[in-house]
Amino acid sequence: MRQAAAQAAGQSARQDVLSRKADAARRVFEARAMSPAKALRRALSRSADVLWDLALVAKAVDQEHLDQDGVVAQLPPEALLLLLDGPEGVVGFVTLERDLVVGLTEVQTMLQVTQMPADPRPFTATDAAMAAPLLDATLERFARFLEDHPLRAQIEGFRFGAMLEDARAAGMLLDAPGYMMFRTTLDLALGRRRGELRLFLPERPGARRAAPPGQPGAHEQKMELLPAQMQAVLGALRLPLGRVQALQPGDLLPLAPEVLERVTFYTGPGTPVAGGRLGQMNGMRAVRLTWPRGAGSGEGRGPVGTLRPSPAEPRAVTDAMAEPQEVEFDEMASGLPDLPDLPDPGSGDFDFSTQFGGTTEGEAGSEDAEGAMADFDFDFSAAPLDNEQ
């Protein structure tokens, strides 16, 4: 029994260690996956605690998207209005209700927050200076807590700038088409002072964090696992409506051999993104990309938006979508030869002319393509990429 008790005690100790490790890992994950609302609440509370050992509790944070007129309408007339200096000359705004300003002044001058009635006097530059330490510390932590969040690039880089007289002065400084507003109610010193804080930051869709050289982006691994749905277009056939309605499963549609040389990939109704040749590999249908150059290897690949046909391909691409060919219905009864196997991946020569009696690649680019349209659904999360070309 002593041995069993010792084993139980050892197992319990191991479970406690594992539990503490799991809790620590969960806290790290929650910090990395923090929402803007949670990040702002924690930034405010942590900044007040570090600066003055002040108990500050931020209630639920509301987030809204406003235009310039909406920003002016949301600036409280009786609140302290502060300007925030941002990166590249952009500006933001913060408003603090009077009770908050009085509480921040008291904790820095009297080392405590009282419940004495606030004096309804005009705000001065001294009031703005008393609020500046909390704002700077909060904005810095706010951006840092959003380490992996897409909004971090739009939030980081702001700090206290100056005091503004009224909403009219703020309206003259608005230069962004849209703004994010964060609104929350703050409790100071266990409810001795309470007031609302509103934070206005410009929306900057083009803002991007500069990734360190050689480092992958924050979402690169997830993006590489997303399925990419494309259409592989061989060409088009024109048939009378009556014959189309008479099509049955198993009917054959005749395709000219040269269309195998001119498969074009589309991701939607826009421009083509790639082209290649149709064949077989390991008993399965396969397409070897011929443009853009370097598409099959890791070197020389550029952004998707820069993909363009090579000089030898543009005519073939447009010809593939040219006027459909009239096809006699009785031709559909004739069989077609099997597609050839693709050469070894190390070989760069894909010539279908010997099997199909077609033309060379340069001649194929000048002929009208015929064929049909096939949908290919490439799910890269289900099958690993083959790095060997």
Protein backbone atom coordinates (compact mmCIF):
# COMPACT_ATOMS: atom_id res chain seq x y z
CA MET A 1 0.00 0.00 0.00
CA ARG A 2 2.90 2.32 0.69
CA GLN A 3 4.19 1.69 -2.81
CA ALA A 4 0.76 2.44 -4.30
CA ALA A 5 0.48 5.63 -2.27
CA ALA A 6 3.93 6.73 -3.42
CA GLN A 7 3.04 6.04 -7.03
CA ALA A 8 -0.21 8.00 -6.66
CA ALA A 9 1.66 10.92 -5.10
CA GLY A 10 4.23 10.90 -7.89
CA GLN A 11 1.51 10.80 -10.53
CA SER A 12 -0.31 13.69 -8.85
CA ALA A 13 2.90 15.74 -8.80
CA ARG A 14 3.47 15.07 -12.49
CA GLN A 15 -0.10 16.11 -13.24
CA ASP A 16 0.44 19.35 -11.31
CA VAL A 17 3.56 20.10 -13.34
CA LEU A 18 1.78 19.36 -16.61
CA SER A 19 -1.17 21.49 -15.53
CA ARG A 20 1.09 24.46 -14.76
CA LYS A 21 2.82 24.08 -18.12
CA ALA A 22 -0.54 23.92 -19.89
CA ASP A 23 -1.75 27.04 -18.07
CA ALA A 24 1.39 28.93 -19.03
CA ALA A 25 1.05 27.86 -22.66
CA ARG A 26 -2.61 28.89 -22.66
CA ARG A 27 -1.77 32.33 -21.28
CA VAL A 28 0.86 32.81 -23.99
CA PHE A 29 -1.62 31.75 -26.66
CA GLU A 30 -4.33 34.06 -25.31
CA ALA A 31 -1.88 36.96 -25.28
CA ARG A 32 -0.91 36.30 -28.89
CA ALA A 33 -4.52 35.87 -30.01
CA MET A 34 -5.74 38.99 -28.22
CA SER A 35 -8.57 41.00 -29.75
CA PRO A 36 -8.30 44.81 -30.03
CA ALA A 37 -10.90 45.28 -27.29
CA LYS A 38 -9.09 43.00 -24.87
CA ALA A 39 -5.72 44.49 -25.79
CA LEU A 40 -6.93 48.03 -25.05
CA ARG A 41 -8.44 47.04 -21.68
CA ARG A 42 -5.25 45.30 -20.61
CA ALA A 43 -3.06 48.13 -21.90
CA LEU A 44 -4.97 50.73 -19.87
CA SER A 45 -4.98 48.68 -16.66
CA ARG A 46 -1.35 47.65 -16.94
CA SER A 47 -0.13 51.17 -17.73
CA ALA A 48 -1.92 52.74 -14.75
CA ASP A 49 -0.57 50.03 -12.45
CA VAL A 50 3.04 50.42 -13.64
CA LEU A 51 3.01 54.23 -13.63
CA TRP A 52 1.28 55.02 -10.33
CA ASP A 53 0.18 51.73 -8.78
CA LEU A 54 -3.34 52.88 -9.66
CA ALA A 55 -6.21 50.41 -9.86
CA LEU A 56 -7.82 51.12 -13.21
CA VAL A 57 -10.58 48.91 -14.59
CA ALA A 58 -11.75 49.27 -18.19
CA LYS A 59 -15.29 48.14 -18.88
CA ALA A 60 -16.43 46.61 -22.16
CA VAL A 61 -14.86 48.25 -25.20
CA ASP A 62 -17.08 49.23 -28.13
CA GLN A 63 -15.45 49.49 -31.55
CA GLU A 64 -17.00 51.42 -34.46
CA HIS A 65 -15.94 52.54 -37.93
CA LEU A 66 -16.70 56.20 -38.69
CA ASP A 67 -16.25 58.65 -41.53
CA GLN A 68 -14.98 62.18 -40.92
CA ASP A 69 -18.41 63.59 -40.09
CA GLY A 70 -19.00 60.69 -37.72
CA VAL A 71 -15.77 61.46 -35.87
CA VAL A 72 -16.75 65.10 -35.31
CA ALA A 73 -20.19 64.02 -34.10
CA GLN A 74 -18.63 61.60 -31.58
CA LEU A 75 -16.35 64.18 -29.92
CA PRO A 76 -17.95 65.07 -26.54
CA PRO A 77 -18.11 68.87 -26.08
CA GLU A 78 -17.32 68.76 -22.33
CA ALA A 79 -14.36 66.34 -22.53
CA LEU A 80 -10.63 66.97 -22.75
CA LEU A 81 -9.68 66.65 -26.44
CA LEU A 82 -6.12 65.56 -27.23
CA LEU A 83 -4.27 65.16 -30.52
CA LEU A 84 -2.18 62.05 -31.20
CA ASP A 85 0.83 62.19 -33.51
CA GLY A 86 1.14 59.11 -35.72
CA PRO A 87 3.54 57.68 -38.28
CA GLU A 88 3.94 59.41 -41.65
CA GLY A 89 2.14 62.53 -40.42
CA VAL A 90 -1.24 60.91 -39.69
CA VAL A 91 -3.12 62.01 -36.58
CA GLY A 92 -5.53 60.48 -34.10
CA PHE A 93 -7.59 61.80 -31.21
CA VAL A 94 -8.42 60.92 -27.60
CA THR A 95 -11.18 62.34 -25.41
CA LEU A 96 -11.26 62.03 -21.60
CA GLU A 97 -14.21 63.01 -19.45
CA ARG A 98 -13.59 65.47 -16.62
CA ASP A 99 -13.69 62.93 -13.79
CA LEU A 100 -10.89 60.95 -15.42
CA VAL A 101 -8.73 64.04 -15.84
CA VAL A 102 -9.25 64.99 -12.19
CA GLY A 103 -8.39 61.47 -11.04
CA LEU A 104 -5.17 61.36 -13.09
CA THR A 105 -4.15 64.76 -11.71
CA GLU A 106 -4.85 63.68 -8.12
CA VAL A 107 -2.86 60.45 -8.31
CA GLN A 108 0.19 62.33 -9.64
CA THR A 109 0.00 65.27 -7.22
CA MET A 110 -1.62 63.81 -4.08
CA LEU A 111 -0.72 60.12 -4.63
CA GLN A 112 -4.37 59.21 -4.17
CA VAL A 113 -7.74 59.56 -5.87
CA THR A 114 -10.46 61.38 -3.95
CA GLN A 115 -14.19 61.79 -4.39
CA MET A 116 -14.27 65.56 -4.14
CA PRO A 117 -16.55 67.24 -6.70
CA ALA A 118 -14.75 68.20 -9.90
CA ASP A 119 -14.36 71.90 -10.64
CA PRO A 120 -16.16 72.71 -13.97
CA ARG A 121 -13.34 74.94 -15.23
CA PRO A 122 -11.88 75.08 -18.75
CA PHE A 123 -9.18 72.51 -19.47
CA THR A 124 -5.59 73.71 -19.73
CA ALA A 125 -2.31 72.42 -21.14
CA THR A 126 -1.47 71.19 -17.63
CA ASP A 127 -4.43 68.82 -17.73
CA ALA A 128 -3.19 67.49 -21.07
CA ALA A 129 0.31 66.97 -19.65
CA MET A 130 -1.14 65.00 -16.73
CA ALA A 131 -2.90 62.64 -19.13
CA ALA A 132 0.07 62.21 -21.49
CA PRO A 133 1.97 59.49 -19.53
CA LEU A 134 -1.06 57.20 -19.41
CA LEU A 135 -1.80 57.73 -23.10
CA ASP A 136 1.76 57.08 -24.28
CA ALA A 137 2.13 53.94 -22.17
CA THR A 138 -1.30 52.66 -23.20
CA LEU A 139 -0.76 53.19 -26.91
CA GLU A 140 2.63 51.45 -26.80
CA ARG A 141 1.21 48.41 -24.97
CA PHE A 142 -1.93 48.41 -27.11
CA ALA A 143 0.15 47.85 -30.24
CA ARG A 144 2.48 45.37 -28.53
CA PHE A 145 -0.38 43.21 -27.26
CA LEU A 146 -1.65 42.91 -30.86
CA GLU A 147 1.55 41.17 -31.95
CA ASP A 148 -0.06 38.84 -34.53
CA HIS A 149 -3.19 40.89 -35.25
CA PRO A 150 -3.72 42.46 -38.70
CA LEU A 151 -4.62 45.81 -37.08
CA ARG A 152 -1.26 46.24 -35.39
CA ALA A 153 0.26 48.06 -38.36
CA GLN A 154 -2.56 50.63 -38.16
CA ILE A 155 -2.32 51.10 -34.38
CA GLU A 156 1.39 51.24 -33.61
CA GLY A 157 3.41 54.44 -33.75
CA PHE A 158 0.94 56.87 -32.09
CA ARG A 159 1.77 59.05 -29.08
CA PHE A 160 0.52 62.16 -27.30
CA GLY A 161 0.79 65.34 -29.36
CA ALA A 162 -1.09 68.37 -28.02
CA MET A 163 -4.38 69.63 -26.62
CA LEU A 164 -7.10 70.86 -28.98
CA GLU A 165 -9.62 73.56 -28.18
CA ASP A 166 -12.77 71.99 -29.60
CA ALA A 167 -14.27 69.63 -32.18
CA ARG A 168 -14.01 72.26 -34.91
CA ALA A 169 -10.22 72.30 -34.59
CA ALA A 170 -10.16 68.50 -34.73
CA GLY A 171 -12.37 68.47 -37.82
CA MET A 172 -9.88 70.64 -39.69
CA LEU A 173 -7.15 68.04 -39.04
CA LEU A 174 -9.08 65.03 -40.31
CA ASP A 175 -7.42 63.68 -43.44
CA ALA A 176 -8.24 59.95 -43.50
CA PRO A 177 -11.42 58.68 -45.19
CA GLY A 178 -12.31 56.46 -42.24
CA TYR A 179 -11.52 56.11 -38.55
CA MET A 180 -11.70 53.40 -35.90
CA MET A 181 -13.28 54.49 -32.62
CA PHE A 182 -12.68 52.58 -29.38
CA ARG A 183 -14.98 53.62 -26.53
CA THR A 184 -14.76 52.37 -22.95
CA THR A 185 -15.68 53.44 -19.41
CA LEU A 186 -12.85 53.58 -16.86
CA ASP A 187 -13.07 53.12 -13.08
CA LEU A 188 -10.24 54.67 -11.06
CA ALA A 189 -9.34 53.54 -7.54
CA LEU A 190 -12.23 51.12 -7.05
CA GLY A 191 -14.84 53.46 -8.46
CA ARG A 192 -13.83 56.72 -6.80
CA ARG A 193 -13.64 58.33 -10.22
CA ARG A 194 -15.40 57.14 -13.34
CA GLY A 195 -15.49 58.48 -16.88
CA GLU A 196 -15.49 57.61 -20.55
CA LEU A 197 -12.47 57.44 -22.84
CA ARG A 198 -12.76 57.54 -26.63
CA LEU A 199 -9.86 56.72 -28.93
CA PHE A 200 -9.98 57.64 -32.63
CA LEU A 201 -7.35 56.18 -34.98
CA PRO A 202 -7.27 56.57 -38.77
CA GLU A 203 -7.85 53.56 -40.98
CA ARG A 204 -4.77 52.96 -43.12
CA PRO A 205 -5.37 49.94 -45.37
CA GLY A 206 -1.92 50.30 -46.91
CA ALA A 207 -0.11 50.18 -43.57
CA ARG A 208 2.10 47.10 -43.36
CA ARG A 209 4.62 46.00 -40.81
CA ALA A 210 8.09 45.57 -42.26
CA ALA A 211 8.99 41.91 -41.85
CA PRO A 212 12.63 41.15 -40.94
CA PRO A 213 14.70 40.04 -43.95
CA GLY A 214 14.38 36.33 -44.58
CA GLN A 215 11.51 35.92 -42.11
CA PRO A 216 8.12 34.54 -43.24
CA GLY A 217 5.01 36.64 -42.81
CA ALA A 218 2.75 36.20 -39.82
CA HIS A 219 0.11 34.34 -41.86
CA GLU A 220 2.30 32.68 -44.50
CA GLN A 221 1.90 29.11 -43.24
CA LYS A 222 -1.89 29.38 -43.02
CA MET A 223 -2.16 30.98 -46.44
CA GLU A 224 -0.13 28.18 -48.01
CA LEU A 225 -2.67 25.64 -46.73
CA LEU A 226 -5.71 27.39 -48.19
CA PRO A 227 -7.35 25.55 -51.11
CA ALA A 228 -6.98 27.33 -54.45
CA GLN A 229 -9.80 26.74 -56.92
CA MET A 230 -8.95 27.31 -60.57
CA GLN A 231 -10.44 26.57 -63.96
CA ALA A 232 -8.30 24.83 -66.57
CA VAL A 233 -9.58 26.03 -69.95
CA LEU A 234 -8.83 24.08 -73.12
CA GLY A 235 -11.13 26.05 -75.38
CA ALA A 236 -14.81 26.03 -76.39
CA LEU A 237 -17.17 24.03 -78.58
CA ARG A 238 -20.27 25.36 -80.31
CA LEU A 239 -23.20 22.96 -80.66
CA PRO A 240 -26.85 23.55 -81.51
CA LEU A 241 -29.11 23.68 -78.48
CA GLY A 242 -30.98 20.57 -79.56
CA ARG A 243 -27.79 18.54 -79.72
CA VAL A 244 -26.65 19.85 -76.36
CA GLN A 245 -29.96 18.76 -74.84
CA ALA A 246 -29.46 15.32 -76.39
CA LEU A 247 -26.09 14.75 -74.72
CA GLN A 248 -25.95 11.66 -72.54
CA PRO A 249 -23.39 10.36 -70.05
CA GLY A 250 -20.67 8.62 -72.00
CA ASP A 251 -20.90 10.81 -75.11
CA LEU A 252 -17.54 11.95 -76.42
CA LEU A 253 -16.68 15.51 -77.38
CA PRO A 254 -13.92 15.72 -80.01
CA LEU A 255 -10.88 17.80 -79.12
CA ALA A 256 -8.09 18.78 -81.44
CA PRO A 257 -4.71 17.41 -80.26
CA GLU A 258 -3.09 20.85 -80.19
CA VAL A 259 -5.34 22.04 -77.34
CA LEU A 260 -3.27 19.87 -75.01
CA GLU A 261 -0.42 22.31 -75.55
CA ARG A 262 -2.46 25.34 -74.47
CA VAL A 263 -4.13 24.75 -71.12
CA THR A 264 -4.87 28.12 -69.49
CA PHE A 265 -5.63 28.57 -65.79
CA TYR A 266 -8.12 31.15 -64.52
CA THR A 267 -8.94 31.98 -60.91
CA GLY A 268 -12.09 33.85 -61.88
CA PRO A 269 -13.53 35.97 -64.68
CA GLY A 270 -10.34 38.00 -64.94
CA THR A 271 -7.03 37.55 -66.71
CA PRO A 272 -5.26 34.18 -66.91
CA VAL A 273 -2.72 33.42 -64.21
CA ALA A 274 -0.82 30.50 -65.75
CA GLY A 275 -0.64 28.21 -68.75
CA GLY A 276 0.76 24.79 -69.50
CA ARG A 277 0.51 21.47 -71.30
CA LEU A 278 -1.80 18.60 -70.47
CA GLY A 279 -0.48 15.08 -70.14
CA GLN A 280 -0.13 12.25 -67.64
CA MET A 281 2.12 11.51 -64.71
CA ASN A 282 2.05 8.34 -62.62
CA GLY A 283 -1.20 7.31 -64.27
CA MET A 284 -2.99 10.57 -63.45
CA ARG A 285 -3.86 13.63 -65.51
CA ALA A 286 -1.30 16.38 -64.97
CA VAL A 287 -0.43 19.83 -66.28
CA ARG A 288 3.14 21.06 -66.65
CA LEU A 289 3.20 24.86 -66.38
CA THR A 290 5.00 26.66 -69.20
CA TRP A 291 4.32 30.22 -68.07
CA PRO A 292 4.89 32.32 -66.05
CA ARG A 293 8.58 31.55 -66.18
CA GLY A 294 9.86 29.86 -63.05
CA ALA A 295 6.35 28.88 -61.90
CA GLY A 296 7.42 25.31 -61.26
CA SER A 297 10.36 26.10 -59.01
CA GLY A 298 10.98 28.04 -55.86
CA GLU A 299 13.36 30.45 -57.57
CA GLY A 300 12.16 33.41 -59.53
CA ARG A 301 8.59 33.29 -58.33
CA GLY A 302 6.96 36.65 -57.82
CA PRO A 303 3.64 37.85 -56.41
CA VAL A 304 0.50 36.52 -58.01
CA GLY A 305 -0.39 39.97 -59.28
CA THR A 306 2.75 40.02 -61.43
CA LEU A 307 2.06 36.82 -63.35
CA ARG A 308 2.05 37.46 -67.06
CA PRO A 309 2.26 35.19 -70.08
CA SER A 310 5.68 34.83 -71.63
CA PRO A 311 6.23 36.49 -75.03
CA ALA A 312 5.49 33.22 -76.82
CA GLU A 313 2.17 32.68 -75.05
CA PRO A 314 -0.16 35.72 -75.36
CA ARG A 315 -1.52 34.75 -78.76
CA ALA A 316 -2.07 31.18 -77.63
CA VAL A 317 -3.98 32.40 -74.60
CA THR A 318 -6.28 34.66 -76.57
CA ASP A 319 -6.72 32.07 -79.31
CA ALA A 320 -7.83 29.54 -76.73
CA MET A 321 -10.82 31.73 -75.92
CA ALA A 322 -11.50 32.77 -79.50
CA GLU A 323 -14.56 32.00 -81.58
CA PRO A 324 -15.72 28.44 -80.77
CA GLN A 325 -15.50 25.89 -83.54
CA GLU A 326 -18.54 24.34 -85.15
CA VAL A 327 -18.48 20.60 -84.49
CA GLU A 328 -20.48 17.93 -86.25
CA PHE A 329 -22.40 15.80 -83.81
CA ASP A 330 -21.46 12.54 -85.49
CA GLU A 331 -17.81 13.25 -84.75
CA MET A 332 -18.54 12.69 -81.09
CA ALA A 333 -18.86 8.98 -81.68
CA SER A 334 -15.22 8.67 -82.62
CA GLY A 335 -12.81 7.74 -79.88
CA LEU A 336 -9.75 9.66 -78.92
CA PRO A 337 -6.30 8.25 -78.18
CA ASP A 338 -5.12 8.06 -74.59
CA LEU A 339 -3.08 10.94 -73.31
CA PRO A 340 0.65 10.24 -73.17
CA ASP A 341 2.68 9.97 -70.01
CA LEU A 342 4.57 13.09 -69.04
CA PRO A 343 8.35 12.78 -69.20
CA ASP A 344 10.45 12.37 -66.11
CA PRO A 345 10.18 15.47 -63.83
CA GLY A 346 13.80 16.27 -64.51
CA SER A 347 13.14 16.62 -68.24
CA GLY A 348 11.95 19.90 -69.66
CA ASP A 349 10.74 18.60 -73.06
CA PHE A 350 7.01 17.96 -73.44
CA ASP A 351 6.32 17.27 -77.09
CA PHE A 352 2.91 15.82 -77.91
CA SER A 353 3.34 16.14 -81.65
CA THR A 354 4.61 12.57 -82.11
CA GLN A 355 1.58 11.06 -80.42
CA PHE A 356 -1.09 13.30 -81.90
CA GLY A 357 0.40 14.53 -85.13
CA GLY A 358 0.11 18.13 -83.88
CA THR A 359 2.26 21.11 -84.67
CA THR A 360 5.19 22.52 -82.81
CA GLU A 361 4.79 24.89 -79.89
CA GLY A 362 5.38 28.00 -81.98
CA GLU A 363 2.83 26.91 -84.59
CA ALA A 364 0.31 25.94 -81.95
CA GLY A 365 0.36 29.47 -80.60
CA SER A 366 -1.09 30.81 -83.86
CA GLU A 367 -3.98 28.36 -84.30
CA ASP A 368 -7.45 28.52 -82.81
CA ALA A 369 -7.82 26.14 -79.91
CA GLU A 370 -10.73 23.83 -79.47
CA GLY A 371 -11.71 21.83 -76.47
CA ALA A 372 -13.76 22.04 -73.38
CA MET A 373 -13.57 23.56 -69.96
CA ALA A 374 -12.67 21.50 -66.93
CA ASP A 375 -12.70 22.46 -63.27
CA PHE A 376 -9.70 21.57 -61.16
CA ASP A 377 -9.99 21.94 -57.38
CA PHE A 378 -6.51 21.92 -55.92
CA ASP A 379 -6.60 21.37 -52.16
CA PHE A 380 -3.05 21.88 -51.03
CA SER A 381 -3.96 21.06 -47.43
CA ALA A 382 -4.72 17.48 -48.44
CA ALA A 383 -1.64 16.78 -50.55
CA PRO A 384 1.92 18.02 -49.98
CA LEU A 385 3.61 19.96 -52.71
CA ASP A 386 6.17 18.13 -54.79
CA ASN A 387 9.33 20.18 -54.67
CA GLU A 388 11.00 18.20 -57.38
CA GLN A 389 10.36 19.50 -60.85
